[in-house]
Amino acid sequence: QVQLVESGGGLVQAGGSLRLSCAVSGRTFSNYGMGWFRQAPGNDREFVAAISRRGSSTYYADSVKGRFTISRDNAKNTVYLQMNSLKPEDTAVYYCAADFLPGTGWDYRRQYEYKYWGQGTQVTVSS
């Protein structure tokens, strides 16, 4: 069984930064494509960013491109989301997710691609 544990959320002022971490245990981390999603109150959960198994490819939602950076350290079984220039509209619960051996047609924006999910970490950006 794969377990994902997010950390690093909190309260920050607009324009500030946070770095989220997601520690993965239970299986070979490098076998998993990883994604970050978020869900604001009253909204559906939405794609934020994704990274390939070795970190060679990264993908972003248009709303965070240029402000957020996803990365991974396969030696530490951890994926990160560096969030800069935060805006109040970034306020949400952030979830990391793992997809086992994604193929060449990996549909990384779709939640159903990911079998394993963390419990989420709250990010609140004040104006």
Foldseek 3Di string as FASTA:
>chain_A
DKAKAKDWADEEAAQAKIKMKIAIDDDQLLQWKKFKWWDDPPGDIWGAKIAHSVRPDIDGDPVQPPFWDWGDDSVRRMIMIIGGRDDQVVWTWMKMFIAGNADPPRPRGDPVRTDDMHPTDTHGYHD
